[in-house]
Amino acid sequence: MIEKIYLGLILVFFILAFSIRNIKTYLATKQSIRGKSIKLSMSIFISTMMYVIIMLRLTLLKPKWFIEIDLSQYVWFKILGIGLVFIGFMIGVFALIEMKNSWRVGIKYDQKTKLITTGIYSISRNPYFLSYNILFLGYILIFPSIILIVLYVLLVAIFHKMILEEEGYLQSVHKINYIEYKRKVNRYLTINLK
């Protein structure tokens, strides 16, 4: 029971953090912060479906409704999943905090924002996308549903295409500063062992 409460609260707070960042940025800039693209709309639709499925699985429905693979004999999957859910949540929160008023949902071609390279953005150029990937992977390890796995693969592919498009946009706007940033920080995760 405590595990389900923890997993439900993390998901709710992840959604709330995203919503609060959107509202705060909109109020600070007095401009729409949402770009328009089919990829963005698809990513919102798929991630919303995943949220709903996970919440239904936590509250009402049994594994058979989601075509879950029974991995109950592998307890470490669940333990790893719980850890990944927490890590994904924390990365997402740090990413949202660091972006401040440069936060946008998708690309807003008519708005130039500051290039953020500090904090969590000094180890990942795309920590918020990374947080989604890690968070949802954690839930999949806990609830290994065929439906969630298919949606996850689609979402990761769409996110990657969005990232590539955003990188081109940021390079066109921030020029040499973005090129230098790309040289120092990897797209998903930079591990500096020096």
N, C-alpha and C. Protein backbone atom coordinates (compact mmCIF):
# COMPACT_ATOMS: atom_id res chain seq x y z
N MET A 1 0.82 -1.21 0.00
CA MET A 1 0.00 0.00 0.00
C MET A 1 0.86 1.27 0.00
N ILE A 2 1.89 1.29 0.85
CA ILE A 2 2.79 2.45 0.93
C ILE A 2 3.49 2.65 -0.41
N GLU A 3 3.87 1.53 -1.02
CA GLU A 3 4.54 1.59 -2.33
C GLU A 3 3.63 2.25 -3.37
N LYS A 4 2.36 1.88 -3.39
CA LYS A 4 1.43 2.47 -4.36
C LYS A 4 1.22 3.95 -4.09
N ILE A 5 1.15 4.33 -2.83
CA ILE A 5 1.00 5.76 -2.49
C ILE A 5 2.23 6.53 -2.97
N TYR A 6 3.41 6.00 -2.70
CA TYR A 6 4.67 6.63 -3.14
C TYR A 6 4.68 6.81 -4.65
N LEU A 7 4.36 5.73 -5.38
CA LEU A 7 4.39 5.77 -6.85
C LEU A 7 3.33 6.73 -7.41
N GLY A 8 2.17 6.77 -6.78
CA GLY A 8 1.12 7.69 -7.22
C GLY A 8 1.48 9.13 -6.95
N LEU A 9 2.03 9.40 -5.75
CA LEU A 9 2.42 10.77 -5.41
C LEU A 9 3.54 11.29 -6.31
N ILE A 10 4.51 10.44 -6.60
CA ILE A 10 5.60 10.86 -7.49
C ILE A 10 5.02 11.28 -8.84
N LEU A 11 4.11 10.48 -9.38
CA LEU A 11 3.53 10.79 -10.68
C LEU A 11 2.72 12.09 -10.62
N VAL A 12 1.93 12.25 -9.57
CA VAL A 12 1.14 13.48 -9.42
C VAL A 12 2.06 14.69 -9.28
N PHE A 13 3.10 14.58 -8.45
CA PHE A 13 4.00 15.72 -8.26
C PHE A 13 4.81 16.03 -9.52
N PHE A 14 5.12 15.01 -10.31
CA PHE A 14 5.82 15.23 -11.58
C PHE A 14 4.95 16.07 -12.52
N ILE A 15 3.68 15.70 -12.61
CA ILE A 15 2.74 16.45 -13.44
C ILE A 15 2.53 17.86 -12.89
N LEU A 16 2.39 17.98 -11.56
CA LEU A 16 2.21 19.29 -10.93
C LEU A 16 3.42 20.20 -11.16
N ALA A 17 4.62 19.65 -11.02
CA ALA A 17 5.83 20.46 -11.22
C ALA A 17 5.87 21.03 -12.64
N PHE A 18 5.53 20.19 -13.61
CA PHE A 18 5.48 20.63 -15.01
C PHE A 18 4.44 21.73 -15.18
N SER A 19 3.26 21.53 -14.61
CA SER A 19 2.18 22.51 -14.74
C SER A 19 2.54 23.84 -14.06
N ILE A 20 3.11 23.76 -12.87
CA ILE A 20 3.50 24.98 -12.15
C ILE A 20 4.56 25.74 -12.92
N ARG A 21 5.55 25.02 -13.48
CA ARG A 21 6.59 25.70 -14.26
C ARG A 21 5.97 26.40 -15.46
N ASN A 22 5.04 25.75 -16.13
CA ASN A 22 4.36 26.36 -17.27
C ASN A 22 3.63 27.64 -16.86
N ILE A 23 2.88 27.57 -15.78
CA ILE A 23 2.11 28.73 -15.32
C ILE A 23 3.04 29.87 -14.90
N LYS A 24 4.07 29.55 -14.12
CA LYS A 24 5.01 30.58 -13.66
C LYS A 24 5.71 31.26 -14.84
N THR A 25 6.12 30.48 -15.83
CA THR A 25 6.81 31.06 -16.98
C THR A 25 5.84 31.92 -17.80
N TYR A 26 4.63 31.44 -17.98
CA TYR A 26 3.63 32.22 -18.71
C TYR A 26 3.36 33.54 -18.00
N LEU A 27 3.17 33.51 -16.70
CA LEU A 27 2.90 34.73 -15.95
C LEU A 27 4.08 35.70 -15.98
N ALA A 28 5.29 35.16 -15.96
CA ALA A 28 6.48 36.01 -15.99
C ALA A 28 6.73 36.63 -17.35
N THR A 29 6.43 35.89 -18.42
CA THR A 29 6.73 36.38 -19.77
C THR A 29 5.52 37.00 -20.46
N LYS A 30 4.33 36.69 -19.96
CA LYS A 30 3.07 37.16 -20.57
C LYS A 30 2.94 36.73 -22.04
N GLN A 31 3.52 35.57 -22.36
CA GLN A 31 3.46 35.02 -23.71
C GLN A 31 3.15 33.53 -23.63
N SER A 32 2.57 33.02 -24.69
CA SER A 32 2.37 31.58 -24.79
C SER A 32 3.73 30.90 -24.78
N ILE A 33 3.86 29.82 -24.04
CA ILE A 33 5.15 29.13 -23.98
C ILE A 33 5.10 27.78 -24.71
N ARG A 34 3.99 27.48 -25.36
CA ARG A 34 3.84 26.19 -26.04
C ARG A 34 4.02 26.35 -27.54
N GLY A 35 4.97 25.58 -28.06
CA GLY A 35 5.18 25.54 -29.50
C GLY A 35 4.08 24.72 -30.17
N LYS A 36 4.14 24.69 -31.48
CA LYS A 36 3.15 23.91 -32.23
C LYS A 36 3.87 22.99 -33.19
N SER A 37 3.66 21.70 -32.99
CA SER A 37 4.18 20.70 -33.92
C SER A 37 3.45 19.39 -33.69
N ILE A 38 3.41 18.58 -34.70
CA ILE A 38 2.76 17.28 -34.60
C ILE A 38 3.51 16.40 -33.61
N LYS A 39 4.83 16.50 -33.58
CA LYS A 39 5.62 15.70 -32.63
C LYS A 39 5.28 16.08 -31.19
N LEU A 40 5.17 17.36 -30.93
CA LEU A 40 4.82 17.81 -29.59
C LEU A 40 3.43 17.31 -29.20
N SER A 41 2.47 17.46 -30.09
CA SER A 41 1.11 16.98 -29.80
C SER A 41 1.09 15.48 -29.55
N MET A 42 1.83 14.72 -30.36
CA MET A 42 1.90 13.27 -30.18
C MET A 42 2.55 12.91 -28.84
N SER A 43 3.63 13.63 -28.48
CA SER A 43 4.31 13.32 -27.22
C SER A 43 3.40 13.61 -26.03
N ILE A 44 2.63 14.69 -26.09
CA ILE A 44 1.70 15.01 -25.01
C ILE A 44 0.61 13.95 -24.93
N PHE A 45 0.09 13.53 -26.07
CA PHE A 45 -0.95 12.50 -26.09
C PHE A 45 -0.44 11.18 -25.51
N ILE A 46 0.74 10.74 -25.96
CA ILE A 46 1.28 9.45 -25.51
C ILE A 46 1.63 9.50 -24.03
N SER A 47 2.28 10.58 -23.59
CA SER A 47 2.64 10.65 -22.17
C SER A 47 1.39 10.72 -21.29
N THR A 48 0.35 11.41 -21.75
CA THR A 48 -0.90 11.45 -21.00
C THR A 48 -1.52 10.06 -20.91
N MET A 49 -1.49 9.31 -22.01
CA MET A 49 -1.99 7.93 -21.98
C MET A 49 -1.21 7.10 -20.95
N MET A 50 0.10 7.30 -20.91
CA MET A 50 0.93 6.55 -19.97
C MET A 50 0.60 6.94 -18.53
N TYR A 51 0.41 8.24 -18.28
CA TYR A 51 0.02 8.68 -16.94
C TYR A 51 -1.28 8.01 -16.51
N VAL A 52 -2.26 8.03 -17.40
CA VAL A 52 -3.58 7.47 -17.08
C VAL A 52 -3.46 5.97 -16.81
N ILE A 53 -2.75 5.27 -17.66
CA ILE A 53 -2.58 3.81 -17.48
C ILE A 53 -1.91 3.52 -16.14
N ILE A 54 -0.85 4.25 -15.83
CA ILE A 54 -0.14 4.01 -14.57
C ILE A 54 -1.05 4.32 -13.37
N MET A 55 -1.78 5.42 -13.43
CA MET A 55 -2.68 5.76 -12.32
C MET A 55 -3.80 4.72 -12.17
N LEU A 56 -4.34 4.25 -13.29
CA LEU A 56 -5.37 3.20 -13.22
C LEU A 56 -4.79 1.92 -12.64
N ARG A 57 -3.58 1.61 -13.03
CA ARG A 57 -2.92 0.39 -12.52
C ARG A 57 -2.64 0.52 -11.03
N LEU A 58 -2.31 1.71 -10.57
CA LEU A 58 -2.04 1.94 -9.15
C LEU A 58 -3.32 1.90 -8.30
N THR A 59 -4.44 2.24 -8.91
CA THR A 59 -5.65 2.42 -8.11
C THR A 59 -6.73 1.37 -8.33
N LEU A 60 -7.08 1.09 -9.57
CA LEU A 60 -8.28 0.31 -9.82
C LEU A 60 -8.07 -1.04 -10.50
N LEU A 61 -7.24 -1.05 -11.51
CA LEU A 61 -7.23 -2.21 -12.41
C LEU A 61 -6.10 -3.19 -12.12
N LYS A 62 -6.32 -4.40 -12.53
CA LYS A 62 -5.38 -5.50 -12.32
C LYS A 62 -4.45 -5.66 -13.52
N PRO A 63 -3.34 -6.39 -13.34
CA PRO A 63 -2.35 -6.57 -14.41
C PRO A 63 -2.92 -7.07 -15.74
N LYS A 64 -3.94 -7.94 -15.70
CA LYS A 64 -4.46 -8.51 -16.95
C LYS A 64 -5.02 -7.44 -17.88
N TRP A 65 -5.51 -6.32 -17.32
CA TRP A 65 -6.06 -5.25 -18.14
C TRP A 65 -4.99 -4.57 -19.00
N PHE A 66 -3.73 -4.69 -18.59
CA PHE A 66 -2.65 -3.98 -19.27
C PHE A 66 -1.65 -4.92 -19.93
N ILE A 67 -2.03 -6.19 -20.03
CA ILE A 67 -1.17 -7.21 -20.64
C ILE A 67 0.22 -7.16 -20.01
N GLU A 68 0.24 -7.32 -18.69
CA GLU A 68 1.51 -7.29 -17.96
C GLU A 68 2.21 -8.63 -18.03
N ILE A 69 3.51 -8.56 -18.11
CA ILE A 69 4.37 -9.74 -18.05
C ILE A 69 4.62 -10.02 -16.57
N ASP A 70 4.43 -11.24 -16.13
CA ASP A 70 4.63 -11.56 -14.72
C ASP A 70 6.12 -11.73 -14.43
N LEU A 71 6.69 -10.75 -13.77
CA LEU A 71 8.09 -10.79 -13.37
C LEU A 71 8.22 -10.76 -11.85
N SER A 72 7.17 -11.21 -11.16
CA SER A 72 7.13 -11.13 -9.70
C SER A 72 8.28 -11.90 -9.04
N GLN A 73 8.83 -12.90 -9.73
CA GLN A 73 9.94 -13.65 -9.15
C GLN A 73 11.25 -12.85 -9.18
N TYR A 74 11.29 -11.77 -9.96
CA TYR A 74 12.47 -10.92 -10.05
C TYR A 74 12.22 -9.64 -9.27
N VAL A 75 12.36 -9.70 -7.96
CA VAL A 75 12.08 -8.57 -7.07
C VAL A 75 12.97 -7.37 -7.40
N TRP A 76 14.18 -7.64 -7.87
CA TRP A 76 15.11 -6.54 -8.15
C TRP A 76 14.61 -5.63 -9.26
N PHE A 77 13.75 -6.15 -10.18
CA PHE A 77 13.14 -5.29 -11.21
C PHE A 77 12.33 -4.19 -10.54
N LYS A 78 11.52 -4.58 -9.58
CA LYS A 78 10.66 -3.63 -8.88
C LYS A 78 11.51 -2.64 -8.07
N ILE A 79 12.53 -3.14 -7.38
CA ILE A 79 13.39 -2.25 -6.59
C ILE A 79 14.11 -1.25 -7.49
N LEU A 80 14.65 -1.73 -8.60
CA LEU A 80 15.30 -0.85 -9.57
C LEU A 80 14.29 0.16 -10.11
N GLY A 81 13.09 -0.29 -10.42
CA GLY A 81 12.04 0.59 -10.93
C GLY A 81 11.70 1.70 -9.95
N ILE A 82 11.57 1.36 -8.67
CA ILE A 82 11.26 2.37 -7.65
C ILE A 82 12.37 3.40 -7.58
N GLY A 83 13.61 2.94 -7.66
CA GLY A 83 14.75 3.87 -7.66
C GLY A 83 14.75 4.77 -8.89
N LEU A 84 14.49 4.20 -10.06
CA LEU A 84 14.47 4.99 -11.30
C LEU A 84 13.34 6.02 -11.30
N VAL A 85 12.20 5.66 -10.74
CA VAL A 85 11.09 6.62 -10.65
C VAL A 85 11.54 7.84 -9.85
N PHE A 86 12.22 7.60 -8.72
CA PHE A 86 12.68 8.72 -7.89
C PHE A 86 13.75 9.54 -8.62
N ILE A 87 14.70 8.87 -9.25
CA ILE A 87 15.77 9.57 -9.98
C ILE A 87 15.18 10.40 -11.12
N GLY A 88 14.27 9.82 -11.89
CA GLY A 88 13.63 10.56 -12.98
C GLY A 88 12.88 11.77 -12.47
N PHE A 89 12.17 11.61 -11.36
CA PHE A 89 11.44 12.73 -10.76
C PHE A 89 12.40 13.85 -10.37
N MET A 90 13.48 13.52 -9.68
CA MET A 90 14.42 14.54 -9.21
C MET A 90 15.11 15.26 -10.38
N ILE A 91 15.51 14.53 -11.40
CA ILE A 91 16.12 15.16 -12.58
C ILE A 91 15.13 16.14 -13.20
N GLY A 92 13.87 15.73 -13.32
CA GLY A 92 12.85 16.61 -13.89
C GLY A 92 12.66 17.87 -13.08
N VAL A 93 12.60 17.74 -11.76
CA VAL A 93 12.43 18.92 -10.91
C VAL A 93 13.62 19.86 -11.04
N PHE A 94 14.83 19.31 -10.99
CA PHE A 94 16.02 20.16 -11.14
C PHE A 94 16.05 20.86 -12.49
N ALA A 95 15.63 20.16 -13.55
CA ALA A 95 15.60 20.75 -14.89
C ALA A 95 14.60 21.91 -14.94
N LEU A 96 13.42 21.71 -14.38
CA LEU A 96 12.40 22.76 -14.38
C LEU A 96 12.85 23.98 -13.59
N ILE A 97 13.47 23.75 -12.44
CA ILE A 97 13.94 24.86 -11.61
C ILE A 97 15.03 25.65 -12.33
N GLU A 98 15.97 24.96 -12.93
CA GLU A 98 17.12 25.63 -13.58
C GLU A 98 16.70 26.46 -14.79
N MET A 99 15.68 26.01 -15.51
CA MET A 99 15.26 26.73 -16.73
C MET A 99 14.64 28.09 -16.45
N LYS A 100 14.03 28.27 -15.32
CA LYS A 100 13.35 29.52 -14.97
C LYS A 100 12.47 30.00 -16.13
N ASN A 101 12.64 31.24 -16.57
CA ASN A 101 11.78 31.80 -17.61
C ASN A 101 12.20 31.42 -19.04
N SER A 102 13.25 30.61 -19.16
CA SER A 102 13.63 30.11 -20.48
C SER A 102 12.86 28.84 -20.84
N TRP A 103 12.03 28.36 -19.91
CA TRP A 103 11.25 27.14 -20.14
C TRP A 103 10.26 27.33 -21.29
N ARG A 104 10.23 26.39 -22.20
CA ARG A 104 9.23 26.35 -23.27
C ARG A 104 8.81 24.90 -23.47
N VAL A 105 7.60 24.71 -23.93
CA VAL A 105 7.10 23.38 -24.25
C VAL A 105 7.11 23.31 -25.77
N GLY A 106 8.10 22.63 -26.32
CA GLY A 106 8.30 22.65 -27.77
C GLY A 106 9.09 23.90 -28.14
N ILE A 107 9.21 24.12 -29.42
CA ILE A 107 9.99 25.26 -29.92
C ILE A 107 9.06 26.42 -30.20
N LYS A 108 9.39 27.57 -29.66
CA LYS A 108 8.67 28.82 -29.95
C LYS A 108 9.61 29.66 -30.82
N TYR A 109 9.44 29.54 -32.12
CA TYR A 109 10.36 30.18 -33.05
C TYR A 109 10.35 31.70 -32.94
N ASP A 110 9.28 32.27 -32.44
CA ASP A 110 9.19 33.72 -32.34
C ASP A 110 9.73 34.27 -31.02
N GLN A 111 10.26 33.39 -30.16
CA GLN A 111 10.78 33.83 -28.86
C GLN A 111 12.22 33.37 -28.69
N LYS A 112 13.10 34.28 -28.37
CA LYS A 112 14.49 33.92 -28.08
C LYS A 112 14.67 33.90 -26.58
N THR A 113 15.14 32.77 -26.06
CA THR A 113 15.36 32.64 -24.62
C THR A 113 16.85 32.49 -24.34
N LYS A 114 17.19 32.67 -23.08
CA LYS A 114 18.57 32.52 -22.64
C LYS A 114 18.97 31.05 -22.75
N LEU A 115 20.21 30.79 -23.16
CA LEU A 115 20.74 29.43 -23.21
C LEU A 115 21.17 29.03 -21.80
N ILE A 116 20.55 28.00 -21.26
CA ILE A 116 20.86 27.54 -19.91
C ILE A 116 21.88 26.41 -20.00
N THR A 117 23.02 26.61 -19.32
CA THR A 117 24.10 25.63 -19.37
C THR A 117 24.60 25.27 -17.97
N THR A 118 23.94 25.75 -16.95
CA THR A 118 24.40 25.54 -15.57
C THR A 118 23.54 24.49 -14.87
N GLY A 119 23.94 24.16 -13.66
CA GLY A 119 23.19 23.17 -12.87
C GLY A 119 23.12 21.84 -13.59
N ILE A 120 21.95 21.26 -13.64
CA ILE A 120 21.78 19.95 -14.26
C ILE A 120 22.05 20.01 -15.77
N TYR A 121 21.94 21.21 -16.34
CA TYR A 121 22.21 21.38 -17.77
C TYR A 121 23.72 21.34 -18.07
N SER A 122 24.54 21.24 -17.04
CA SER A 122 25.98 21.07 -17.26
C SER A 122 26.36 19.60 -17.40
N ILE A 123 25.38 18.69 -17.15
CA ILE A 123 25.66 17.26 -17.36
C ILE A 123 24.74 16.63 -18.40
N SER A 124 23.69 17.35 -18.79
CA SER A 124 22.78 16.87 -19.84
C SER A 124 22.21 18.07 -20.57
N ARG A 125 22.23 18.02 -21.91
CA ARG A 125 21.62 19.11 -22.66
C ARG A 125 20.10 18.99 -22.65
N ASN A 126 19.58 17.84 -22.29
CA ASN A 126 18.14 17.59 -22.32
C ASN A 126 17.68 16.85 -21.07
N PRO A 127 17.92 17.42 -19.89
CA PRO A 127 17.59 16.68 -18.67
C PRO A 127 16.10 16.43 -18.48
N TYR A 128 15.24 17.31 -19.01
CA TYR A 128 13.81 17.07 -18.80
C TYR A 128 13.33 15.88 -19.63
N PHE A 129 13.78 15.79 -20.86
CA PHE A 129 13.46 14.61 -21.67
C PHE A 129 14.05 13.36 -21.01
N LEU A 130 15.29 13.48 -20.53
CA LEU A 130 15.93 12.36 -19.85
C LEU A 130 15.12 11.93 -18.63
N SER A 131 14.59 12.92 -17.89
CA SER A 131 13.81 12.59 -16.70
C SER A 131 12.56 11.78 -17.06
N TYR A 132 11.88 12.17 -18.13
CA TYR A 132 10.72 11.40 -18.60
C TYR A 132 11.12 9.97 -18.93
N ASN A 133 12.21 9.83 -19.68
CA ASN A 133 12.66 8.50 -20.09
C ASN A 133 12.95 7.62 -18.88
N ILE A 134 13.64 8.17 -17.90
CA ILE A 134 14.00 7.40 -16.70
C ILE A 134 12.76 7.10 -15.86
N LEU A 135 11.92 8.11 -15.65
CA LEU A 135 10.71 7.94 -14.84
C LEU A 135 9.82 6.84 -15.41
N PHE A 136 9.51 6.94 -16.69
CA PHE A 136 8.62 5.94 -17.30
C PHE A 136 9.27 4.56 -17.36
N LEU A 137 10.59 4.50 -17.56
CA LEU A 137 11.27 3.20 -17.52
C LEU A 137 11.11 2.57 -16.14
N GLY A 138 11.21 3.39 -15.10
CA GLY A 138 11.00 2.88 -13.74
C GLY A 138 9.62 2.28 -13.56
N TYR A 139 8.60 3.00 -14.04
CA TYR A 139 7.23 2.47 -13.92
C TYR A 139 7.06 1.18 -14.73
N ILE A 140 7.72 1.10 -15.87
CA ILE A 140 7.63 -0.12 -16.69
C ILE A 140 8.28 -1.31 -15.97
N LEU A 141 9.38 -1.07 -15.26
CA LEU A 141 10.00 -2.16 -14.51
C LEU A 141 9.09 -2.63 -13.37
N ILE A 142 8.31 -1.72 -12.82
CA ILE A 142 7.38 -2.07 -11.74
C ILE A 142 6.13 -2.75 -12.31
N PHE A 143 5.61 -2.19 -13.40
CA PHE A 143 4.42 -2.73 -14.07
C PHE A 143 4.78 -3.05 -15.52
N PRO A 144 5.42 -4.20 -15.77
CA PRO A 144 5.92 -4.51 -17.13
C PRO A 144 4.80 -4.84 -18.12
N SER A 145 4.07 -3.82 -18.49
CA SER A 145 2.93 -3.96 -19.39
C SER A 145 3.37 -3.83 -20.85
N ILE A 146 2.89 -4.70 -21.68
CA ILE A 146 3.17 -4.62 -23.12
C ILE A 146 2.69 -3.26 -23.66
N ILE A 147 1.54 -2.81 -23.20
CA ILE A 147 0.99 -1.53 -23.66
C ILE A 147 1.93 -0.39 -23.28
N LEU A 148 2.40 -0.37 -22.02
CA LEU A 148 3.32 0.68 -21.59
C LEU A 148 4.64 0.62 -22.36
N ILE A 149 5.12 -0.58 -22.62
CA ILE A 149 6.40 -0.73 -23.34
C ILE A 149 6.27 -0.16 -24.76
N VAL A 150 5.20 -0.47 -25.45
CA VAL A 150 4.99 0.05 -26.81
C VAL A 150 4.88 1.58 -26.78
N LEU A 151 4.09 2.10 -25.86
CA LEU A 151 3.95 3.56 -25.75
C LEU A 151 5.29 4.21 -25.41
N TYR A 152 6.06 3.58 -24.53
CA TYR A 152 7.36 4.10 -24.13
C TYR A 152 8.32 4.19 -25.32
N VAL A 153 8.39 3.14 -26.10
CA VAL A 153 9.28 3.13 -27.27
C VAL A 153 8.88 4.25 -28.24
N LEU A 154 7.59 4.41 -28.47
CA LEU A 154 7.11 5.50 -29.33
C LEU A 154 7.48 6.86 -28.76
N LEU A 155 7.28 7.03 -27.46
CA LEU A 155 7.58 8.31 -26.82
C LEU A 155 9.06 8.65 -26.87
N VAL A 156 9.91 7.69 -26.59
CA VAL A 156 11.36 7.92 -26.64
C VAL A 156 11.78 8.31 -28.06
N ALA A 157 11.23 7.65 -29.07
CA ALA A 157 11.56 7.98 -30.47
C ALA A 157 11.09 9.40 -30.82
N ILE A 158 9.89 9.76 -30.39
CA ILE A 158 9.38 11.11 -30.67
C ILE A 158 10.22 12.15 -29.93
N PHE A 159 10.53 11.89 -28.66
CA PHE A 159 11.38 12.82 -27.90
C PHE A 159 12.71 13.03 -28.60
N HIS A 160 13.31 11.95 -29.10
CA HIS A 160 14.60 12.07 -29.77
C HIS A 160 14.49 12.96 -31.00
N LYS A 161 13.43 12.79 -31.79
CA LYS A 161 13.22 13.64 -32.97
C LYS A 161 13.01 15.10 -32.55
N MET A 162 12.28 15.32 -31.46
CA MET A 162 12.07 16.67 -30.96
C MET A 162 13.39 17.30 -30.52
N ILE A 163 14.24 16.51 -29.87
CA ILE A 163 15.54 16.99 -29.41
C ILE A 163 16.40 17.40 -30.60
N LEU A 164 16.43 16.58 -31.64
CA LEU A 164 17.23 16.91 -32.82
C LEU A 164 16.75 18.21 -33.46
N GLU A 165 15.44 18.39 -33.54
CA GLU A 165 14.88 19.62 -34.09
C GLU A 165 15.23 20.82 -33.21
N GLU A 166 15.13 20.64 -31.91
CA GLU A 166 15.45 21.72 -30.98
C GLU A 166 16.93 22.09 -31.04
N GLU A 167 17.80 21.10 -31.21
CA GLU A 167 19.23 21.38 -31.31
C GLU A 167 19.53 22.27 -32.52
N GLY A 168 18.89 21.97 -33.64
CA GLY A 168 19.08 22.81 -34.83
C GLY A 168 18.62 24.23 -34.58
N TYR A 169 17.48 24.37 -33.92
CA TYR A 169 16.94 25.69 -33.59
C TYR A 169 17.89 26.44 -32.65
N LEU A 170 18.34 25.78 -31.58
CA LEU A 170 19.22 26.45 -30.61
C LEU A 170 20.55 26.86 -31.26
N GLN A 171 21.04 26.03 -32.16
CA GLN A 171 22.29 26.39 -32.84
C GLN A 171 22.08 27.60 -33.75
N SER A 172 20.92 27.69 -34.39
CA SER A 172 20.66 28.84 -35.26
C SER A 172 20.49 30.13 -34.45
N VAL A 173 20.00 30.02 -33.23
CA VAL A 173 19.78 31.21 -32.39
C VAL A 173 21.02 31.59 -31.60
N HIS A 174 21.67 30.60 -30.97
CA HIS A 174 22.78 30.88 -30.05
C HIS A 174 24.16 30.68 -30.69
N LYS A 175 24.18 30.21 -31.92
CA LYS A 175 25.39 30.07 -32.74
C LYS A 175 26.56 29.43 -31.98
N ILE A 176 27.69 30.15 -31.87
CA ILE A 176 28.92 29.59 -31.32
C ILE A 176 28.75 29.16 -29.86
N ASN A 177 27.92 29.89 -29.11
CA ASN A 177 27.69 29.52 -27.71
C ASN A 177 27.09 28.12 -27.61
N TYR A 178 26.16 27.79 -28.50
CA TYR A 178 25.55 26.47 -28.46
C TYR A 178 26.52 25.40 -28.96
N ILE A 179 27.30 25.74 -29.97
CA ILE A 179 28.30 24.79 -30.49
C ILE A 179 29.30 24.44 -29.39
N GLU A 180 29.76 25.45 -28.64
CA GLU A 180 30.67 25.21 -27.52
C GLU A 180 30.02 24.36 -26.44
N TYR A 181 28.77 24.66 -26.16
CA TYR A 181 28.01 23.89 -25.17
C TYR A 181 27.89 22.43 -25.60
N LYS A 182 27.60 22.19 -26.88
CA LYS A 182 27.49 20.82 -27.40
C LYS A 182 28.81 20.07 -27.27
N ARG A 183 29.92 20.78 -27.39
CA ARG A 183 31.23 20.13 -27.27
C ARG A 183 31.49 19.65 -25.85
N LYS A 184 30.95 20.38 -24.88
CA LYS A 184 31.21 20.07 -23.47
C LYS A 184 30.20 19.11 -22.86
N VAL A 185 28.94 19.19 -23.32
CA VAL A 185 27.86 18.45 -22.66
C VAL A 185 27.15 17.56 -23.67
N ASN A 186 26.99 16.29 -23.32
CA ASN A 186 26.33 15.33 -24.20
C ASN A 186 24.83 15.56 -24.26
N ARG A 187 24.22 15.03 -25.28
CA ARG A 187 22.78 15.18 -25.51
C ARG A 187 21.97 14.65 -24.33
N TYR A 188 22.35 13.48 -23.82
CA TYR A 188 21.56 12.88 -22.74
C TYR A 188 22.29 12.89 -21.40
N LEU A 189 23.53 12.46 -21.37
CA LEU A 189 24.23 12.38 -20.10
C LEU A 189 25.73 12.49 -20.31
N THR A 190 26.35 13.35 -19.54
CA THR A 190 27.80 13.54 -19.59
C THR A 190 28.38 13.01 -18.30
N ILE A 191 29.28 12.07 -18.42
CA ILE A 191 29.95 11.54 -17.24
C ILE A 191 31.43 11.88 -17.39
N ASN A 192 31.87 12.77 -16.51
CA ASN A 192 33.26 13.23 -16.55
C ASN A 192 34.00 12.55 -15.41
N LEU A 193 34.89 11.64 -15.74
CA LEU A 193 35.61 10.86 -14.74
C LEU A 193 36.97 11.47 -14.37
N LYS A 194 37.20 12.69 -14.78
CA LYS A 194 38.50 13.32 -14.46
C LYS A 194 38.55 13.76 -13.02
